[in-house]
PDB file of all heavy atoms in Angstrom:
ATOM      1  N   VAL A   1      32.314 -44.503 -20.009  1.00  0.00           N
ATOM      2  CA  VAL A   1      32.851 -43.822 -18.820  1.00  0.00           C
ATOM      3  C   VAL A   1      33.943 -44.700 -18.215  1.00  0.00           C
ATOM      4  O   VAL A   1      33.685 -45.856 -17.885  1.00  0.00           O
ATOM      5  CB  VAL A   1      31.735 -43.554 -17.791  1.00  0.00           C
ATOM      6  CG1 VAL A   1      32.302 -43.004 -16.497  1.00  0.00           C
ATOM      7  CG2 VAL A   1      30.689 -42.621 -18.378  1.00  0.00           C
ATOM      8  N   PRO A   2      35.163 -44.163 -18.092  1.00  0.00           N
ATOM      9  CA  PRO A   2      36.229 -44.958 -17.471  1.00  0.00           C
ATOM     10  C   PRO A   2      35.915 -45.237 -15.997  1.00  0.00           C
ATOM     11  O   PRO A   2      35.318 -44.408 -15.322  1.00  0.00           O
ATOM     12  CB  PRO A   2      37.470 -44.065 -17.580  1.00  0.00           C
ATOM     13  CG  PRO A   2      37.107 -42.965 -18.510  1.00  0.00           C
ATOM     14  CD  PRO A   2      35.612 -42.856 -18.523  1.00  0.00           C
ATOM     15  N   ASP A   3      36.305 -46.395 -15.533  1.00  0.00           N
ATOM     16  CA  ASP A   3      36.102 -46.807 -14.135  1.00  0.00           C
ATOM     17  C   ASP A   3      34.642 -46.640 -13.720  1.00  0.00           C
ATOM     18  O   ASP A   3      34.305 -46.003 -12.712  1.00  0.00           O
ATOM     19  CB  ASP A   3      37.036 -46.037 -13.204  1.00  0.00           C
ATOM     20  CG  ASP A   3      37.391 -46.837 -11.968  1.00  0.00           C
ATOM     21  OD1 ASP A   3      36.823 -47.937 -11.779  1.00  0.00           O
ATOM     22  OD2 ASP A   3      38.211 -46.360 -11.171  1.00  0.00           O
ATOM     23  N   ALA A   4      33.772 -47.237 -14.523  1.00  0.00           N
ATOM     24  CA  ALA A   4      32.329 -47.080 -14.362  1.00  0.00           C
ATOM     25  C   ALA A   4      31.828 -47.528 -12.993  1.00  0.00           C
ATOM     26  O   ALA A   4      30.971 -46.866 -12.399  1.00  0.00           O
ATOM     27  CB  ALA A   4      31.602 -47.847 -15.469  1.00  0.00           C
ATOM     28  N   MET A   5      32.342 -48.622 -12.469  1.00  0.00           N
ATOM     29  CA  MET A   5      31.869 -49.108 -11.165  1.00  0.00           C
ATOM     30  C   MET A   5      32.224 -48.118 -10.061  1.00  0.00           C
ATOM     31  O   MET A   5      31.417 -47.850  -9.170  1.00  0.00           O
ATOM     32  CB  MET A   5      32.452 -50.488 -10.851  1.00  0.00           C
ATOM     33  CG  MET A   5      32.012 -51.029  -9.497  1.00  0.00           C
ATOM     34  SD  MET A   5      30.206 -51.091  -9.233  1.00  0.00           S
ATOM     35  CE  MET A   5      29.825 -52.637 -10.030  1.00  0.00           C
ATOM     36  N   ARG A   6      33.428 -47.553 -10.116  1.00  0.00           N
ATOM     37  CA  ARG A   6      33.823 -46.567  -9.105  1.00  0.00           C
ATOM     38  C   ARG A   6      32.879 -45.371  -9.140  1.00  0.00           C
ATOM     39  O   ARG A   6      32.383 -44.922  -8.110  1.00  0.00           O
ATOM     40  CB  ARG A   6      35.259 -46.093  -9.336  1.00  0.00           C
ATOM     41  CG  ARG A   6      35.715 -45.052  -8.309  1.00  0.00           C
ATOM     42  CD  ARG A   6      37.061 -44.435  -8.687  1.00  0.00           C
ATOM     43  NE  ARG A   6      36.941 -43.562  -9.843  1.00  0.00           N
ATOM     44  CZ  ARG A   6      36.639 -42.257  -9.768  1.00  0.00           C
ATOM     45  NH1 ARG A   6      36.439 -41.685  -8.597  1.00  0.00           N
ATOM     46  NH2 ARG A   6      36.543 -41.527 -10.853  1.00  0.00           N
ATOM     47  N   ASP A   7      32.604 -44.854 -10.341  1.00  0.00           N
ATOM     48  CA  ASP A   7      31.718 -43.698 -10.459  1.00  0.00           C
ATOM     49  C   ASP A   7      30.305 -44.035 -10.001  1.00  0.00           C
ATOM     50  O   ASP A   7      29.661 -43.243  -9.310  1.00  0.00           O
ATOM     51  CB  ASP A   7      31.698 -43.174 -11.897  1.00  0.00           C
ATOM     52  CG  ASP A   7      32.924 -42.361 -12.239  1.00  0.00           C
ATOM     53  OD1 ASP A   7      33.889 -42.339 -11.434  1.00  0.00           O
ATOM     54  OD2 ASP A   7      32.930 -41.740 -13.322  1.00  0.00           O
ATOM     55  N   ALA A   8      29.813 -45.209 -10.369  1.00  0.00           N
ATOM     56  CA  ALA A   8      28.467 -45.611  -9.945  1.00  0.00           C
ATOM     57  C   ALA A   8      28.395 -45.699  -8.422  1.00  0.00           C
ATOM     58  O   ALA A   8      27.442 -45.229  -7.800  1.00  0.00           O
ATOM     59  CB  ALA A   8      28.089 -46.944 -10.573  1.00  0.00           C
ATOM     60  N   ARG A   9      29.418 -46.267  -7.823  1.00  0.00           N
ATOM     61  CA  ARG A   9      29.444 -46.395  -6.362  1.00  0.00           C
ATOM     62  C   ARG A   9      29.508 -45.020  -5.689  1.00  0.00           C
ATOM     63  O   ARG A   9      28.818 -44.773  -4.698  1.00  0.00           O
ATOM     64  CB  ARG A   9      30.618 -47.274  -5.949  1.00  0.00           C
ATOM     65  CG  ARG A   9      30.581 -47.699  -4.513  1.00  0.00           C
ATOM     66  CD  ARG A   9      31.710 -48.693  -4.215  1.00  0.00           C
ATOM     67  NE  ARG A   9      31.700 -49.072  -2.827  1.00  0.00           N
ATOM     68  CZ  ARG A   9      31.029 -50.095  -2.320  1.00  0.00           C
ATOM     69  NH1 ARG A   9      30.312 -50.873  -3.106  1.00  0.00           N
ATOM     70  NH2 ARG A   9      31.073 -50.361  -1.031  1.00  0.00           N
ATOM     71  N   LEU A  10      30.316 -44.125  -6.237  1.00  0.00           N
ATOM     72  CA  LEU A  10      30.403 -42.772  -5.673  1.00  0.00           C
ATOM     73  C   LEU A  10      29.082 -42.027  -5.799  1.00  0.00           C
ATOM     74  O   LEU A  10      28.674 -41.314  -4.881  1.00  0.00           O
ATOM     75  CB  LEU A  10      31.531 -41.984  -6.340  1.00  0.00           C
ATOM     76  CG  LEU A  10      32.944 -42.412  -5.955  1.00  0.00           C
ATOM     77  CD1 LEU A  10      33.973 -41.717  -6.847  1.00  0.00           C
ATOM     78  CD2 LEU A  10      33.217 -42.126  -4.491  1.00  0.00           C
ATOM     79  N   LEU A  11      28.412 -42.202  -6.920  1.00  0.00           N
ATOM     80  CA  LEU A  11      27.116 -41.540  -7.094  1.00  0.00           C
ATOM     81  C   LEU A  11      26.077 -42.102  -6.122  1.00  0.00           C
ATOM     82  O   LEU A  11      25.300 -41.336  -5.536  1.00  0.00           O
ATOM     83  CB  LEU A  11      26.629 -41.684  -8.535  1.00  0.00           C
ATOM     84  CG  LEU A  11      27.367 -40.840  -9.565  1.00  0.00           C
ATOM     85  CD1 LEU A  11      26.951 -41.223 -10.976  1.00  0.00           C
ATOM     86  CD2 LEU A  11      27.144 -39.355  -9.315  1.00  0.00           C
ATOM     87  N   LEU A  12      26.066 -43.408  -5.944  1.00  0.00           N
ATOM     88  CA  LEU A  12      25.110 -43.995  -5.009  1.00  0.00           C
ATOM     89  C   LEU A  12      25.423 -43.551  -3.581  1.00  0.00           C
ATOM     90  O   LEU A  12      24.515 -43.206  -2.817  1.00  0.00           O
ATOM     91  CB  LEU A  12      25.109 -45.521  -5.108  1.00  0.00           C
ATOM     92  CG  LEU A  12      24.062 -46.229  -4.254  1.00  0.00           C
ATOM     93  CD1 LEU A  12      22.648 -45.712  -4.538  1.00  0.00           C
ATOM     94  CD2 LEU A  12      24.137 -47.726  -4.458  1.00  0.00           C
ATOM     95  N   ARG A  13      26.678 -43.513  -3.248  1.00  0.00           N
ATOM     96  CA  ARG A  13      27.066 -43.040  -1.918  1.00  0.00           C
ATOM     97  C   ARG A  13      26.613 -41.601  -1.701  1.00  0.00           C
ATOM     98  O   ARG A  13      26.115 -41.236  -0.639  1.00  0.00           O
ATOM     99  CB  ARG A  13      28.580 -43.160  -1.768  1.00  0.00           C
ATOM    100  CG  ARG A  13      29.063 -42.765  -0.415  1.00  0.00           C
ATOM    101  CD  ARG A  13      30.545 -43.004  -0.286  1.00  0.00           C
ATOM    102  NE  ARG A  13      31.042 -42.195   0.804  1.00  0.00           N
ATOM    103  CZ  ARG A  13      32.252 -41.738   0.909  1.00  0.00           C
ATOM    104  NH1 ARG A  13      33.142 -42.024  -0.013  1.00  0.00           N
ATOM    105  NH2 ARG A  13      32.610 -40.999   1.914  1.00  0.00           N
ATOM    106  N   TRP A  14      26.749 -40.777  -2.738  1.00  0.00           N
ATOM    107  CA  TRP A  14      26.318 -39.380  -2.656  1.00  0.00           C
ATOM    108  C   TRP A  14      24.802 -39.293  -2.467  1.00  0.00           C
ATOM    109  O   TRP A  14      24.314 -38.548  -1.609  1.00  0.00           O
ATOM    110  CB  TRP A  14      26.775 -38.638  -3.906  1.00  0.00           C
ATOM    111  CG  TRP A  14      26.236 -37.261  -4.028  1.00  0.00           C
ATOM    112  CD1 TRP A  14      26.546 -36.172  -3.271  1.00  0.00           C
ATOM    113  CD2 TRP A  14      25.262 -36.817  -4.975  1.00  0.00           C
ATOM    114  NE1 TRP A  14      25.832 -35.078  -3.693  1.00  0.00           N
ATOM    115  CE2 TRP A  14      25.041 -35.449  -4.751  1.00  0.00           C
ATOM    116  CE3 TRP A  14      24.576 -37.449  -6.014  1.00  0.00           C
ATOM    117  CZ2 TRP A  14      24.149 -34.709  -5.510  1.00  0.00           C
ATOM    118  CZ3 TRP A  14      23.698 -36.704  -6.776  1.00  0.00           C
ATOM    119  CH2 TRP A  14      23.488 -35.345  -6.507  1.00  0.00           C
ATOM    120  N   VAL A  15      24.049 -40.057  -3.262  1.00  0.00           N
ATOM    121  CA  VAL A  15      22.584 -40.040  -3.156  1.00  0.00           C
ATOM    122  C   VAL A  15      22.137 -40.487  -1.765  1.00  0.00           C
ATOM    123  O   VAL A  15      21.226 -39.896  -1.183  1.00  0.00           O
ATOM    124  CB  VAL A  15      21.949 -40.928  -4.253  1.00  0.00           C
ATOM    125  CG1 VAL A  15      20.486 -41.220  -3.955  1.00  0.00           C
ATOM    126  CG2 VAL A  15      22.088 -40.265  -5.623  1.00  0.00           C
ATOM    127  N   LEU A  16      22.792 -41.497  -1.236  1.00  0.00           N
ATOM    128  CA  LEU A  16      22.416 -42.029   0.080  1.00  0.00           C
ATOM    129  C   LEU A  16      22.989 -41.207   1.226  1.00  0.00           C
ATOM    130  O   LEU A  16      22.622 -41.423   2.382  1.00  0.00           O
ATOM    131  CB  LEU A  16      22.891 -43.479   0.216  1.00  0.00           C
ATOM    132  CG  LEU A  16      22.328 -44.482  -0.785  1.00  0.00           C
ATOM    133  CD1 LEU A  16      22.961 -45.845  -0.561  1.00  0.00           C
ATOM    134  CD2 LEU A  16      20.816 -44.545  -0.708  1.00  0.00           C
ATOM    135  N   ASP A  17      23.907 -40.303   0.912  1.00  0.00           N
ATOM    136  CA  ASP A  17      24.614 -39.528   1.931  1.00  0.00           C
ATOM    137  C   ASP A  17      25.234 -40.479   2.960  1.00  0.00           C
ATOM    138  O   ASP A  17      25.083 -40.310   4.174  1.00  0.00           O
ATOM    139  CB  ASP A  17      23.681 -38.514   2.604  1.00  0.00           C
ATOM    140  CG  ASP A  17      24.436 -37.477   3.425  1.00  0.00           C
ATOM    141  OD1 ASP A  17      25.622 -37.230   3.127  1.00  0.00           O
ATOM    142  OD2 ASP A  17      23.843 -36.936   4.371  1.00  0.00           O
ATOM    143  N   ALA A  18      25.919 -41.497   2.421  1.00  0.00           N
ATOM    144  CA  ALA A  18      26.480 -42.548   3.258  1.00  0.00           C
ATOM    145  C   ALA A  18      27.996 -42.420   3.362  1.00  0.00           C
ATOM    146  O   ALA A  18      28.648 -41.923   2.447  1.00  0.00           O
ATOM    147  CB  ALA A  18      26.128 -43.921   2.676  1.00  0.00           C
ATOM    148  N   ARG A  19      28.520 -42.875   4.458  1.00  0.00           N
ATOM    149  CA  ARG A  19      29.962 -42.944   4.621  1.00  0.00           C
ATOM    150  C   ARG A  19      30.476 -44.157   3.849  1.00  0.00           C
ATOM    151  O   ARG A  19      29.743 -45.135   3.671  1.00  0.00           O
ATOM    152  CB  ARG A  19      30.339 -43.084   6.091  1.00  0.00           C
ATOM    153  CG  ARG A  19      29.887 -41.899   6.936  1.00  0.00           C
ATOM    154  CD  ARG A  19      30.227 -42.063   8.386  1.00  0.00           C
ATOM    155  NE  ARG A  19      29.853 -43.396   8.871  1.00  0.00           N
ATOM    156  CZ  ARG A  19      30.280 -43.930  10.000  1.00  0.00           C
ATOM    157  NH1 ARG A  19      31.085 -43.266  10.791  1.00  0.00           N
ATOM    158  NH2 ARG A  19      29.888 -45.136  10.374  1.00  0.00           N
ATOM    159  N   ALA A  20      31.724 -44.095   3.412  1.00  0.00           N
ATOM    160  CA  ALA A  20      32.311 -45.194   2.647  1.00  0.00           C
ATOM    161  C   ALA A  20      32.214 -46.516   3.407  1.00  0.00           C
ATOM    162  O   ALA A  20      31.891 -47.555   2.826  1.00  0.00           O
ATOM    163  CB  ALA A  20      33.759 -44.872   2.294  1.00  0.00           C
ATOM    164  N   GLU A  21      32.466 -46.467   4.704  1.00  0.00           N
ATOM    165  CA  GLU A  21      32.467 -47.695   5.500  1.00  0.00           C
ATOM    166  C   GLU A  21      31.061 -48.273   5.697  1.00  0.00           C
ATOM    167  O   GLU A  21      30.921 -49.420   6.118  1.00  0.00           O
ATOM    168  CB  GLU A  21      33.162 -47.488   6.847  1.00  0.00           C
ATOM    169  CG  GLU A  21      32.589 -46.391   7.691  1.00  0.00           C
ATOM    170  CD  GLU A  21      33.249 -45.030   7.480  1.00  0.00           C
ATOM    171  OE1 GLU A  21      33.872 -44.783   6.431  1.00  0.00           O
ATOM    172  OE2 GLU A  21      33.112 -44.193   8.381  1.00  0.00           O
ATOM    173  N   ASP A  22      30.027 -47.508   5.386  1.00  0.00           N
ATOM    174  CA  ASP A  22      28.654 -47.995   5.533  1.00  0.00           C
ATOM    175  C   ASP A  22      28.058 -48.532   4.232  1.00  0.00           C
ATOM    176  O   ASP A  22      26.935 -49.049   4.234  1.00  0.00           O
ATOM    177  CB  ASP A  22      27.754 -46.871   6.059  1.00  0.00           C
ATOM    178  CG  ASP A  22      28.155 -46.415   7.447  1.00  0.00           C
ATOM    179  OD1 ASP A  22      28.723 -47.231   8.215  1.00  0.00           O
ATOM    180  OD2 ASP A  22      27.920 -45.225   7.764  1.00  0.00           O
ATOM    181  N   MET A  23      28.792 -48.409   3.137  1.00  0.00           N
ATOM    182  CA  MET A  23      28.221 -48.763   1.838  1.00  0.00           C
ATOM    183  C   MET A  23      27.915 -50.247   1.681  1.00  0.00           C
ATOM    184  O   MET A  23      26.884 -50.601   1.099  1.00  0.00           O
ATOM    185  CB  MET A  23      29.142 -48.302   0.697  1.00  0.00           C
ATOM    186  CG  MET A  23      29.004 -46.832   0.382  1.00  0.00           C
ATOM    187  SD  MET A  23      27.326 -46.348  -0.094  1.00  0.00           S
ATOM    188  CE  MET A  23      27.187 -47.135  -1.689  1.00  0.00           C
ATOM    189  N   ASN A  24      28.765 -51.133   2.178  1.00  0.00           N
ATOM    190  CA  ASN A  24      28.491 -52.564   2.007  1.00  0.00           C
ATOM    191  C   ASN A  24      27.150 -52.950   2.625  1.00  0.00           C
ATOM    192  O   ASN A  24      26.375 -53.689   2.023  1.00  0.00           O
ATOM    193  CB  ASN A  24      29.626 -53.412   2.591  1.00  0.00           C
ATOM    194  CG  ASN A  24      30.852 -53.383   1.720  1.00  0.00           C
ATOM    195  OD1 ASN A  24      30.775 -53.126   0.526  1.00  0.00           O
ATOM    196  ND2 ASN A  24      32.003 -53.630   2.312  1.00  0.00           N
ATOM    197  N   GLU A  25      26.877 -52.429   3.792  1.00  0.00           N
ATOM    198  CA  GLU A  25      25.589 -52.706   4.431  1.00  0.00           C
ATOM    199  C   GLU A  25      24.446 -52.029   3.669  1.00  0.00           C
ATOM    200  O   GLU A  25      23.379 -52.619   3.474  1.00  0.00           O
ATOM    201  CB  GLU A  25      25.598 -52.246   5.890  1.00  0.00           C
ATOM    202  CG  GLU A  25      24.301 -52.500   6.623  1.00  0.00           C
ATOM    203  CD  GLU A  25      23.929 -53.971   6.727  1.00  0.00           C
ATOM    204  OE1 GLU A  25      24.834 -54.821   6.803  1.00  0.00           O
ATOM    205  OE2 GLU A  25      22.717 -54.267   6.733  1.00  0.00           O
ATOM    206  N   ALA A  26      24.660 -50.806   3.231  1.00  0.00           N
ATOM    207  CA  ALA A  26      23.622 -50.053   2.517  1.00  0.00           C
ATOM    208  C   ALA A  26      23.218 -50.743   1.213  1.00  0.00           C
ATOM    209  O   ALA A  26      22.064 -50.632   0.785  1.00  0.00           O
ATOM    210  CB  ALA A  26      24.098 -48.635   2.238  1.00  0.00           C
ATOM    211  N   LEU A  27      24.140 -51.464   0.600  1.00  0.00           N
ATOM    212  CA  LEU A  27      23.846 -52.130  -0.670  1.00  0.00           C
ATOM    213  C   LEU A  27      22.946 -53.345  -0.497  1.00  0.00           C
ATOM    214  O   LEU A  27      22.312 -53.780  -1.457  1.00  0.00           O
ATOM    215  CB  LEU A  27      25.143 -52.556  -1.355  1.00  0.00           C
ATOM    216  CG  LEU A  27      26.003 -51.415  -1.881  1.00  0.00           C
ATOM    217  CD1 LEU A  27      27.328 -51.960  -2.396  1.00  0.00           C
ATOM    218  CD2 LEU A  27      25.285 -50.633  -2.959  1.00  0.00           C
ATOM    219  N   ARG A  28      22.856 -53.872   0.701  1.00  0.00           N
ATOM    220  CA  ARG A  28      22.107 -55.109   0.943  1.00  0.00           C
ATOM    221  C   ARG A  28      20.615 -54.900   1.168  1.00  0.00           C
ATOM    222  O   ARG A  28      19.873 -55.872   1.278  1.00  0.00           O
ATOM    223  CB  ARG A  28      22.688 -55.832   2.158  1.00  0.00           C
ATOM    224  CG  ARG A  28      24.087 -56.326   1.952  1.00  0.00           C
ATOM    225  CD  ARG A  28      24.540 -57.161   3.148  1.00  0.00           C
ATOM    226  NE  ARG A  28      25.949 -57.440   3.022  1.00  0.00           N
ATOM    227  CZ  ARG A  28      26.882 -56.999   3.860  1.00  0.00           C
ATOM    228  NH1 ARG A  28      26.547 -56.252   4.900  1.00  0.00           N
ATOM    229  NH2 ARG A  28      28.144 -57.296   3.670  1.00  0.00           N
ATOM    230  N   VAL A  29      20.197 -53.661   1.271  1.00  0.00           N
ATOM    231  CA  VAL A  29      18.788 -53.404   1.610  1.00  0.00           C
ATOM    232  C   VAL A  29      18.088 -52.683   0.459  1.00  0.00           C
ATOM    233  O   VAL A  29      18.729 -52.015  -0.346  1.00  0.00           O
ATOM    234  CB  VAL A  29      18.674 -52.566   2.904  1.00  0.00           C
ATOM    235  CG1 VAL A  29      19.242 -53.325   4.082  1.00  0.00           C
ATOM    236  CG2 VAL A  29      19.362 -51.235   2.754  1.00  0.00           C
ATOM    237  N   PRO A  30      16.769 -52.812   0.400  1.00  0.00           N
ATOM    238  CA  PRO A  30      16.031 -52.075  -0.634  1.00  0.00           C
ATOM    239  C   PRO A  30      16.097 -50.576  -0.377  1.00  0.00           C
ATOM    240  O   PRO A  30      16.167 -50.133   0.769  1.00  0.00           O
ATOM    241  CB  PRO A  30      14.590 -52.578  -0.478  1.00  0.00           C
ATOM    242  CG  PRO A  30      14.671 -53.804   0.340  1.00  0.00           C
ATOM    243  CD  PRO A  30      15.899 -53.679   1.185  1.00  0.00           C
ATOM    244  N   GLY A  31      16.069 -49.822  -1.440  1.00  0.00           N
ATOM    245  CA  GLY A  31      16.054 -48.372  -1.323  1.00  0.00           C
ATOM    246  C   GLY A  31      14.677 -47.824  -1.613  1.00  0.00           C
ATOM    247  O   GLY A  31      13.787 -48.528  -2.088  1.00  0.00           O
ATOM    248  N   SER A  32      14.523 -46.549  -1.344  1.00  0.00           N
ATOM    249  CA  SER A  32      13.239 -45.894  -1.586  1.00  0.00           C
ATOM    250  C   SER A  32      13.129 -45.482  -3.056  1.00  0.00           C
ATOM    251  O   SER A  32      14.128 -45.411  -3.778  1.00  0.00           O
ATOM    252  CB  SER A  32      13.108 -44.660  -0.695  1.00  0.00           C
ATOM    253  OG  SER A  32      14.003 -43.642  -1.138  1.00  0.00           O
ATOM    254  N   ALA A  33      11.925 -45.185  -3.463  1.00  0.00           N
ATOM    255  CA  ALA A  33      11.697 -44.715  -4.835  1.00  0.00           C
ATOM    256  C   ALA A  33      12.413 -43.385  -5.062  1.00  0.00           C
ATOM    257  O   ALA A  33      12.962 -43.151  -6.146  1.00  0.00           O
ATOM    258  CB  ALA A  33      10.200 -44.565  -5.096  1.00  0.00           C
ATOM    259  N   ARG A  34      12.439 -42.528  -4.042  1.00  0.00           N
ATOM    260  CA  ARG A  34      13.128 -41.247  -4.169  1.00  0.00           C
ATOM    261  C   ARG A  34      14.625 -41.449  -4.386  1.00  0.00           C
ATOM    262  O   ARG A  34      15.227 -40.815  -5.233  1.00  0.00           O
ATOM    263  CB  ARG A  34      12.898 -40.388  -2.927  1.00  0.00           C
ATOM    264  CG  ARG A  34      13.516 -38.983  -3.048  1.00  0.00           C
ATOM    265  CD  ARG A  34      13.871 -38.352  -1.703  1.00  0.00           C
ATOM    266  NE  ARG A  34      14.811 -39.086  -0.900  1.00  0.00           N
ATOM    267  CZ  ARG A  34      16.146 -39.080  -1.076  1.00  0.00           C
ATOM    268  NH1 ARG A  34      16.685 -38.413  -2.051  1.00  0.00           N
ATOM    269  NH2 ARG A  34      16.935 -39.767  -0.266  1.00  0.00           N
ATOM    270  N   GLU A  35      15.218 -42.370  -3.620  1.00  0.00           N
ATOM    271  CA  GLU A  35      16.640 -42.666  -3.793  1.00  0.00           C
ATOM    272  C   GLU A  35      16.917 -43.218  -5.181  1.00  0.00           C
ATOM    273  O   GLU A  35      17.887 -42.816  -5.836  1.00  0.00           O
ATOM    274  CB  GLU A  35      17.099 -43.687  -2.747  1.00  0.00           C
ATOM    275  CG  GLU A  35      17.138 -43.168  -1.337  1.00  0.00           C
ATOM    276  CD  GLU A  35      17.333 -44.265  -0.306  1.00  0.00           C
ATOM    277  OE1 GLU A  35      17.098 -45.464  -0.625  1.00  0.00           O
ATOM    278  OE2 GLU A  35      17.713 -43.919   0.820  1.00  0.00           O
ATOM    279  N   GLN A  36      16.076 -44.117  -5.617  1.00  0.00           N
ATOM    280  CA  GLN A  36      16.270 -44.724  -6.932  1.00  0.00           C
ATOM    281  C   GLN A  36      16.159 -43.679  -8.039  1.00  0.00           C
ATOM    282  O   GLN A  36      16.970 -43.649  -8.958  1.00  0.00           O
ATOM    283  CB  GLN A  36      15.265 -45.850  -7.164  1.00  0.00           C
ATOM    284  CG  GLN A  36      15.535 -46.624  -8.445  1.00  0.00           C
ATOM    285  CD  GLN A  36      14.625 -47.834  -8.590  1.00  0.00           C
ATOM    286  OE1 GLN A  36      13.533 -47.867  -8.021  1.00  0.00           O
ATOM    287  NE2 GLN A  36      15.078 -48.809  -9.333  1.00  0.00           N
ATOM    288  N   ASP A  37      15.168 -42.805  -7.956  1.00  0.00           N
ATOM    289  CA  ASP A  37      15.010 -41.753  -8.968  1.00  0.00           C
ATOM    290  C   ASP A  37      16.207 -40.810  -8.977  1.00  0.00           C
ATOM    291  O   ASP A  37      16.716 -40.454 -10.045  1.00  0.00           O
ATOM    292  CB  ASP A  37      13.730 -40.950  -8.708  1.00  0.00           C
ATOM    293  CG  ASP A  37      12.465 -41.741  -8.975  1.00  0.00           C
ATOM    294  OD1 ASP A  37      12.546 -42.817  -9.618  1.00  0.00           O
ATOM    295  OD2 ASP A  37      11.397 -41.284  -8.538  1.00  0.00           O
ATOM    296  N   ALA A  38      16.664 -40.411  -7.802  1.00  0.00           N
ATOM    297  CA  ALA A  38      17.813 -39.511  -7.711  1.00  0.00           C
ATOM    298  C   ALA A  38      19.070 -40.182  -8.260  1.00  0.00           C
ATOM    299  O   ALA A  38      19.864 -39.550  -8.978  1.00  0.00           O
ATOM    300  CB  ALA A  38      18.032 -39.069  -6.265  1.00  0.00           C
ATOM    301  N   PHE A  39      19.254 -41.451  -7.944  1.00  0.00           N
ATOM    302  CA  PHE A  39      20.424 -42.181  -8.433  1.00  0.00           C
ATOM    303  C   PHE A  39      20.380 -42.333  -9.946  1.00  0.00           C
ATOM    304  O   PHE A  39      21.374 -42.072 -10.627  1.00  0.00           O
ATOM    305  CB  PHE A  39      20.499 -43.549  -7.741  1.00  0.00           C
ATOM    306  CG  PHE A  39      21.675 -44.373  -8.160  1.00  0.00           C
ATOM    307  CD1 PHE A  39      22.972 -43.885  -8.043  1.00  0.00           C
ATOM    308  CD2 PHE A  39      21.502 -45.654  -8.657  1.00  0.00           C
ATOM    309  CE1 PHE A  39      24.066 -44.657  -8.417  1.00  0.00           C
ATOM    310  CE2 PHE A  39      22.581 -46.434  -9.028  1.00  0.00           C
ATOM    311  CZ  PHE A  39      23.863 -45.936  -8.907  1.00  0.00           C
ATOM    312  N   HIS A  40      19.238 -42.701 -10.485  1.00  0.00           N
ATOM    313  CA  HIS A  40      19.119 -42.851 -11.940  1.00  0.00           C
ATOM    314  C   HIS A  40      19.362 -41.523 -12.655  1.00  0.00           C
ATOM    315  O   HIS A  40      19.982 -41.499 -13.725  1.00  0.00           O
ATOM    316  CB  HIS A  40      17.767 -43.443 -12.307  1.00  0.00           C
ATOM    317  CG  HIS A  40      17.673 -44.905 -12.000  1.00  0.00           C
ATOM    318  ND1 HIS A  40      16.578 -45.664 -12.300  1.00  0.00           N
ATOM    319  CD2 HIS A  40      18.543 -45.760 -11.410  1.00  0.00           C
ATOM    320  CE1 HIS A  40      16.768 -46.908 -11.914  1.00  0.00           C
ATOM    321  NE2 HIS A  40      17.949 -46.983 -11.361  1.00  0.00           N
ATOM    322  N   ALA A  41      18.892 -40.429 -12.082  1.00  0.00           N
ATOM    323  CA  ALA A  41      19.129 -39.110 -12.680  1.00  0.00           C
ATOM    324  C   ALA A  41      20.621 -38.776 -12.664  1.00  0.00           C
ATOM    325  O   ALA A  41      21.161 -38.262 -13.645  1.00  0.00           O
ATOM    326  CB  ALA A  41      18.329 -38.043 -11.939  1.00  0.00           C
ATOM    327  N   ALA A  42      21.291 -39.077 -11.563  1.00  0.00           N
ATOM    328  CA  ALA A  42      22.730 -38.809 -11.464  1.00  0.00           C
ATOM    329  C   ALA A  42      23.510 -39.676 -12.449  1.00  0.00           C
ATOM    330  O   ALA A  42      24.444 -39.196 -13.105  1.00  0.00           O
ATOM    331  CB  ALA A  42      23.217 -39.048 -10.038  1.00  0.00           C
TER     332      ALA A  42
END
């Protein structure tokens, strides 16, 4: 997949329903099992 990190970040942002400016903080904390399952599926 071209630009894999960009796509991974966009998918995680979508799963978390997070704003772009909130992603750095969101990455520093543990996520829920539901978030992890949804992200892995995406």
